[in-house]
Amino acid sequence: MSDSPLTATRAPSSGFSLFYYASPQTFFPLAGKLLWPTWIIAIVLTIAGLYTGFFIAPTDATQGDSYRIIFIHVPAAWMSMVVYLVMAFWCAVGLIFNTRLSFMMSSALAPTGAMWAFIALWTGALWGKPTWGTYWVWDARLTSELILFFLYCGYMALQAAIDDPRRADRAGALIAIVGAINVPIIYFSVKWWNTLHQGASVSLTQSPSMASTMLTGMLLMALAAWAYTIGVALVRVRAIMIERERNTDWVRQLGNAAQAGDSKA
């Protein structure tokens, strides 16, 4: 009796190996095992973060309750930058080592990164109206974040426009890697230029400039955004694997096993 396609390949007895899981065939079952724990963590952290931010955190003395949008805006802005850097990292790994899974991971991350950039722009506009008196100004921070959103869209559009996956991966990788220059511009824009956007409330070199309850809520939401991003990326990369590897034996075996399971049910 042959092994199930999900268990046919086994990890080396020596332990976890990144090189072993560099193949779509071996990473596919691992991604499936990580899905439910990731979703559970994301849901728990989201509930805890929203409750802390909207019900426990005190009202700000200057901005009132309108500041509470930061519990969505700030994690979204953070993740829009982090996801792009991770996407560019996987593109670089794919170009250097010619690994299919690296490009698949980058493609899986792009839509979620674009979503975070979109949320950051809109929540920033909603925050800006009561704070600055306008929804939008063409200052360095807002403009560079908008450019980041366009980079995400350009990456996805270019990949969709090229039929050959290999060529599409390499063309998209160039946009992702070159566009990574924009991320430090976003982060340091409030220091390099005179902008309406306030400076960072959380810094690695300075103590936080907000109440501990506010900081707790923001960090919980940031961790929730991390967990959500990982979960969505795992779902999407599994779909990309099946689509791109559909003519391989392991995907055929996976489909046969699924059909056999449905017939037994």
Protein backbone atom coordinates (compact mmCIF):
# COMPACT_ATOMS: atom_id res chain seq x y z
CA MET A 1 0.00 0.00 0.00
CA SER A 2 1.42 3.39 -0.99
CA ASP A 3 1.60 6.23 1.47
CA SER A 4 -0.85 9.13 1.41
CA PRO A 5 0.42 12.09 -0.66
CA LEU A 6 0.35 14.18 2.50
CA THR A 7 2.64 11.77 4.33
CA ALA A 8 4.59 10.22 1.49
CA THR A 9 7.53 12.51 2.09
CA ARG A 10 8.83 12.71 5.60
CA ALA A 11 11.10 15.20 7.24
CA PRO A 12 14.62 14.04 8.04
CA SER A 13 14.98 12.37 11.42
CA SER A 14 17.58 14.96 12.37
CA GLY A 15 14.81 17.56 12.79
CA PHE A 16 13.41 20.59 11.04
CA SER A 17 15.25 21.58 7.88
CA LEU A 18 14.57 24.72 5.86
CA PHE A 19 16.09 23.16 2.75
CA TYR A 20 13.84 20.14 3.07
CA TYR A 21 10.75 22.36 3.09
CA ALA A 22 11.95 24.42 0.11
CA SER A 23 10.02 22.08 -2.18
CA PRO A 24 6.29 22.73 -2.79
CA GLN A 25 5.61 19.02 -2.31
CA THR A 26 7.04 18.99 1.21
CA PHE A 27 5.89 22.45 2.25
CA PHE A 28 2.25 21.85 1.25
CA PRO A 29 1.38 19.52 4.17
CA LEU A 30 3.34 21.68 6.65
CA ALA A 31 1.35 24.74 5.57
CA GLY A 32 -1.86 22.79 6.09
CA LYS A 33 -0.86 21.86 9.64
CA LEU A 34 -0.09 25.50 10.50
CA LEU A 35 -3.41 26.86 9.24
CA TRP A 36 -5.75 26.22 12.16
CA PRO A 37 -3.32 27.29 14.93
CA THR A 38 -2.61 30.48 13.00
CA TRP A 39 -6.31 31.28 12.53
CA ILE A 40 -7.08 30.63 16.19
CA ILE A 41 -4.24 32.90 17.32
CA ALA A 42 -5.40 35.63 14.90
CA ILE A 43 -9.00 35.50 16.16
CA VAL A 44 -8.02 35.53 19.85
CA LEU A 45 -5.56 38.40 19.41
CA THR A 46 -8.02 40.42 17.33
CA ILE A 47 -10.76 40.12 19.95
CA ALA A 48 -8.33 40.99 22.76
CA GLY A 49 -6.83 43.90 20.83
CA LEU A 50 -10.16 45.44 19.80
CA TYR A 51 -11.58 45.09 23.30
CA THR A 52 -8.49 46.68 24.84
CA GLY A 53 -8.36 49.49 22.31
CA PHE A 54 -12.04 50.41 22.18
CA PHE A 55 -13.27 49.60 25.69
CA ILE A 56 -10.33 49.62 28.12
CA ALA A 57 -7.92 52.24 26.76
CA PRO A 58 -8.66 55.74 28.10
CA THR A 59 -9.85 58.65 26.00
CA ASP A 60 -7.01 60.78 24.67
CA ALA A 61 -6.81 64.24 26.24
CA THR A 62 -6.14 65.96 22.90
CA GLN A 63 -7.87 63.89 20.20
CA GLY A 64 -10.72 62.44 22.22
CA ASP A 65 -12.07 59.08 21.05
CA SER A 66 -11.16 59.72 17.41
CA TYR A 67 -7.62 58.52 18.18
CA ARG A 68 -8.91 54.95 18.59
CA ILE A 69 -8.62 54.43 14.85
CA ILE A 70 -4.88 54.00 15.47
CA PHE A 71 -5.60 50.48 16.72
CA ILE A 72 -6.40 49.62 13.11
CA HIS A 73 -4.39 52.25 11.24
CA VAL A 74 -1.00 51.73 12.86
CA PRO A 75 -0.90 47.89 12.63
CA ALA A 76 -2.10 48.14 9.02
CA ALA A 77 0.65 50.65 8.18
CA TRP A 78 3.27 48.51 9.91
CA MET A 79 2.16 45.37 8.08
CA SER A 80 2.02 47.11 4.69
CA MET A 81 5.75 47.83 5.03
CA VAL A 82 6.76 44.54 6.66
CA VAL A 83 4.89 42.40 4.13
CA TYR A 84 6.54 44.24 1.24
CA LEU A 85 10.00 43.65 2.71
CA VAL A 86 9.21 39.96 3.24
CA MET A 87 7.86 39.77 -0.31
CA ALA A 88 11.06 41.37 -1.66
CA PHE A 89 13.11 38.95 0.46
CA TRP A 90 11.39 35.92 -1.06
CA CYS A 91 11.89 37.38 -4.54
CA ALA A 92 15.60 37.80 -3.86
CA VAL A 93 15.85 34.22 -2.55
CA GLY A 94 14.03 32.99 -5.64
CA LEU A 95 16.40 34.82 -7.98
CA ILE A 96 19.52 33.69 -6.13
CA PHE A 97 18.62 30.05 -5.51
CA ASN A 98 16.08 29.58 -8.33
CA THR A 99 13.50 28.11 -5.95
CA ARG A 100 9.90 27.89 -7.12
CA LEU A 101 8.46 28.07 -3.60
CA SER A 102 10.13 31.44 -2.94
CA PHE A 103 8.30 33.08 -5.84
CA MET A 104 5.06 31.39 -4.78
CA MET A 105 5.41 32.82 -1.29
CA SER A 106 5.97 36.29 -2.71
CA SER A 107 2.89 36.00 -4.93
CA ALA A 108 0.84 34.78 -1.96
CA LEU A 109 1.84 37.77 0.19
CA ALA A 110 1.20 40.53 -2.37
CA PRO A 111 -2.63 40.76 -2.17
CA THR A 112 -2.57 40.88 1.64
CA GLY A 113 0.14 43.52 1.62
CA ALA A 114 -1.91 45.61 -0.81
CA MET A 115 -4.92 45.23 1.47
CA TRP A 116 -2.93 46.52 4.47
CA ALA A 117 -1.67 49.49 2.46
CA PHE A 118 -5.23 50.28 1.35
CA ILE A 119 -6.52 50.07 4.95
CA ALA A 120 -3.65 52.25 6.17
CA LEU A 121 -4.47 54.92 3.57
CA TRP A 122 -8.20 54.99 4.28
CA THR A 123 -7.97 54.87 8.06
CA GLY A 124 -5.29 57.54 7.88
CA ALA A 125 -7.66 59.73 5.88
CA LEU A 126 -10.46 59.18 8.40
CA TRP A 127 -8.05 60.01 11.22
CA GLY A 128 -6.70 63.06 9.38
CA LYS A 129 -10.03 64.84 8.97
CA PRO A 130 -10.71 65.50 12.70
CA THR A 131 -7.00 65.80 13.52
CA TRP A 132 -5.63 67.90 10.65
CA GLY A 133 -8.87 69.26 9.20
CA THR A 134 -8.39 67.44 5.87
CA TYR A 135 -8.60 63.90 4.58
CA TRP A 136 -5.47 64.07 2.47
CA VAL A 137 -2.32 66.12 2.01
CA TRP A 138 0.52 65.37 -0.35
CA ASP A 139 3.17 65.14 2.33
CA ALA A 140 6.04 62.66 2.38
CA ARG A 141 4.51 59.99 4.63
CA LEU A 142 1.14 59.80 2.89
CA THR A 143 2.56 60.04 -0.61
CA SER A 144 5.18 57.34 -0.04
CA GLU A 145 2.52 55.04 1.45
CA LEU A 146 0.38 55.62 -1.66
CA ILE A 147 3.40 54.73 -3.81
CA LEU A 148 3.74 51.51 -1.80
CA PHE A 149 0.13 50.62 -2.63
CA PHE A 150 0.83 51.26 -6.33
CA LEU A 151 3.92 49.04 -6.12
CA TYR A 152 1.81 46.19 -4.79
CA CYS A 153 -0.73 46.73 -7.58
CA GLY A 154 2.02 46.95 -10.20
CA TYR A 155 3.61 43.72 -8.97
CA MET A 156 0.32 41.82 -9.17
CA ALA A 157 -0.67 43.37 -12.51
CA LEU A 158 2.67 42.51 -14.11
CA GLN A 159 2.49 38.91 -12.95
CA ALA A 160 -1.06 38.59 -14.25
CA ALA A 161 -0.07 40.07 -17.63
CA ILE A 162 2.65 37.47 -18.33
CA ASP A 163 1.47 33.95 -19.19
CA ASP A 164 4.73 32.16 -18.44
CA PRO A 165 4.98 31.78 -14.62
CA ARG A 166 8.79 31.76 -14.68
CA ARG A 167 9.01 35.01 -16.61
CA ALA A 168 6.24 36.52 -14.52
CA ASP A 169 8.09 35.63 -11.30
CA ARG A 170 11.34 37.21 -12.45
CA ALA A 171 9.68 40.36 -13.80
CA GLY A 172 7.69 40.79 -10.60
CA ALA A 173 10.79 40.19 -8.52
CA LEU A 174 12.52 43.19 -10.09
CA ILE A 175 9.61 45.46 -9.10
CA ALA A 176 9.53 44.04 -5.58
CA ILE A 177 13.27 44.37 -4.95
CA VAL A 178 13.65 47.84 -6.45
CA GLY A 179 10.47 49.03 -4.76
CA ALA A 180 11.82 48.00 -1.36
CA ILE A 181 13.75 51.29 -1.40
CA ASN A 182 10.43 53.00 -0.73
CA VAL A 183 9.92 51.29 2.66
CA PRO A 184 12.66 53.15 4.58
CA ILE A 185 11.45 56.35 2.91
CA ILE A 186 8.01 55.77 4.44
CA TYR A 187 9.44 55.01 7.86
CA PHE A 188 11.90 57.91 8.06
CA SER A 189 9.81 60.46 6.16
CA VAL A 190 8.60 62.17 9.36
CA LYS A 191 12.25 62.68 10.36
CA TRP A 192 13.63 63.68 6.98
CA TRP A 193 10.88 66.13 5.98
CA ASN A 194 8.45 68.49 7.65
CA THR A 195 5.11 66.64 7.48
CA LEU A 196 1.70 66.84 9.12
CA HIS A 197 1.98 63.20 10.14
CA GLN A 198 3.01 62.77 13.75
CA GLY A 199 6.23 60.98 14.66
CA ALA A 200 6.46 57.38 15.78
CA SER A 201 4.69 56.62 19.06
CA VAL A 202 6.64 53.35 19.42
CA SER A 203 10.41 53.23 18.95
CA LEU A 204 13.12 50.70 19.64
CA THR A 205 15.41 53.40 21.00
CA GLN A 206 12.95 55.44 23.10
CA SER A 207 10.25 54.72 25.63
CA PRO A 208 6.66 54.74 24.27
CA SER A 209 4.91 58.12 24.21
CA MET A 210 1.48 56.67 25.01
CA ALA A 211 -0.32 55.08 27.94
CA SER A 212 0.51 51.44 28.61
CA THR A 213 -3.08 50.37 27.92
CA MET A 214 -3.02 52.07 24.53
CA LEU A 215 0.31 50.46 23.72
CA THR A 216 -0.98 47.03 24.77
CA GLY A 217 -4.00 47.33 22.51
CA MET A 218 -1.87 48.44 19.57
CA LEU A 219 0.64 45.61 20.02
CA LEU A 220 -2.15 43.04 20.33
CA MET A 221 -3.64 44.27 17.07
CA ALA A 222 -0.21 44.22 15.41
CA LEU A 223 0.31 40.59 16.47
CA ALA A 224 -3.20 39.78 15.25
CA ALA A 225 -2.33 41.33 11.88
CA TRP A 226 0.81 39.19 11.76
CA ALA A 227 -1.15 36.00 12.48
CA TYR A 228 -3.84 36.90 9.94
CA THR A 229 -1.23 37.64 7.26
CA ILE A 230 0.53 34.32 7.86
CA GLY A 231 -2.77 32.42 7.77
CA VAL A 232 -3.97 34.03 4.54
CA ALA A 233 -0.55 33.59 2.93
CA LEU A 234 -0.56 29.87 3.79
CA VAL A 235 -4.02 29.42 2.27
CA ARG A 236 -3.06 31.34 -0.85
CA VAL A 237 0.32 29.66 -1.34
CA ARG A 238 -1.30 26.22 -1.13
CA ALA A 239 -3.70 27.26 -3.87
CA ILE A 240 -0.81 28.59 -5.98
CA MET A 241 1.09 25.32 -5.48
CA ILE A 242 -1.83 23.25 -6.72
CA GLU A 243 -2.35 25.54 -9.71
CA ARG A 244 1.28 25.62 -10.79
CA GLU A 245 2.10 22.00 -9.94
CA ARG A 246 -1.15 20.55 -11.27
CA ASN A 247 0.66 18.37 -13.82
CA THR A 248 2.98 16.78 -11.24
CA ASP A 249 2.47 13.36 -9.69
CA TRP A 250 2.11 14.60 -6.12
CA VAL A 251 -0.78 16.94 -7.01
CA ARG A 252 -2.50 14.14 -8.95
CA GLN A 253 -2.11 11.87 -5.93
CA LEU A 254 -3.49 14.64 -3.73
CA GLY A 255 -6.54 14.94 -5.97
CA ASN A 256 -7.05 11.17 -6.03
CA ALA A 257 -6.84 11.03 -2.25
CA ALA A 258 -9.40 13.83 -1.94
CA GLN A 259 -11.77 12.05 -4.33
CA ALA A 260 -11.35 8.80 -2.42
CA GLY A 261 -12.14 10.60 0.83
CA ASP A 262 -15.28 12.15 -0.69
CA SER A 263 -16.49 8.78 -1.98
CA LYS A 264 -16.05 7.20 1.47
CA ALA A 265 -17.96 10.06 3.08
